[in-house]
Amino acid sequence: MMPTSSTGVLGDFYEPDDALAAAAKVRAAGWTHFDFLTPFPVHGMEEAMGQKRSWVPWTTAALALGGILFAQGLQNYVMVWDWPMNFGGKPFASWPAFVPITFEAMVFWAALGSAFIAIVAGKKDTIPQPPASVKTGATFDRFVLWISATDPKWNADEAQRFVRSIGADDVRLVAVEGGSHA
């Protein structure tokens, strides 16, 4: 039989308010490598966990502005300088005619750029998650607290006691065969 090594502790909560209160208690107790796995977003969870505000909206706004500038620049170049055409006596630089393409380019650049950045930035996960073989139930009806064994404060018995003390049900230590962390 191969030795086992703990990778973390899971504890279940059944109400979003209980999970929110628990997140604040975990943070206040000094745990830093923890996460909440939830079936839907819980308003205020980021603040309770001490996470800083996301930079993604600013990136999306910059990409949208880039799409606007690209569309306006391309349309003005083509329709005003490179190949000016007179459509019904309208001016060459008729910005209302450029609005639909500008809108589409803005959405395209913001959506694809944000998706690409999310994929690249999402690979930087600082908190190890439970192994994929562990069924947490978080996608159905539970709010699951995960405290990782990588936490500087880690002690398996202390972590289990603490998770029970904040009101979690079904507190369990997650272990992996072979002694390696997954």
Foldseek 3Di string as FASTA:
>chain_A
DFDKDFWWKKFWDQDLVLVLVVLLVCVVVPWQQKDKQAQDDRPPNCVSNVHDDDCLVVVLVVQLVVLLCVLLVVQCCVCPPNPPDQDPNDDSNDVVVSVVSSVVSSCVRSVVVSVVVCVVVVVPDPHDDADPVDDRCRNPGIIMMIRTCVTPVDDPVVRQVSSVVSPTPPMDTHMDGNRDHD
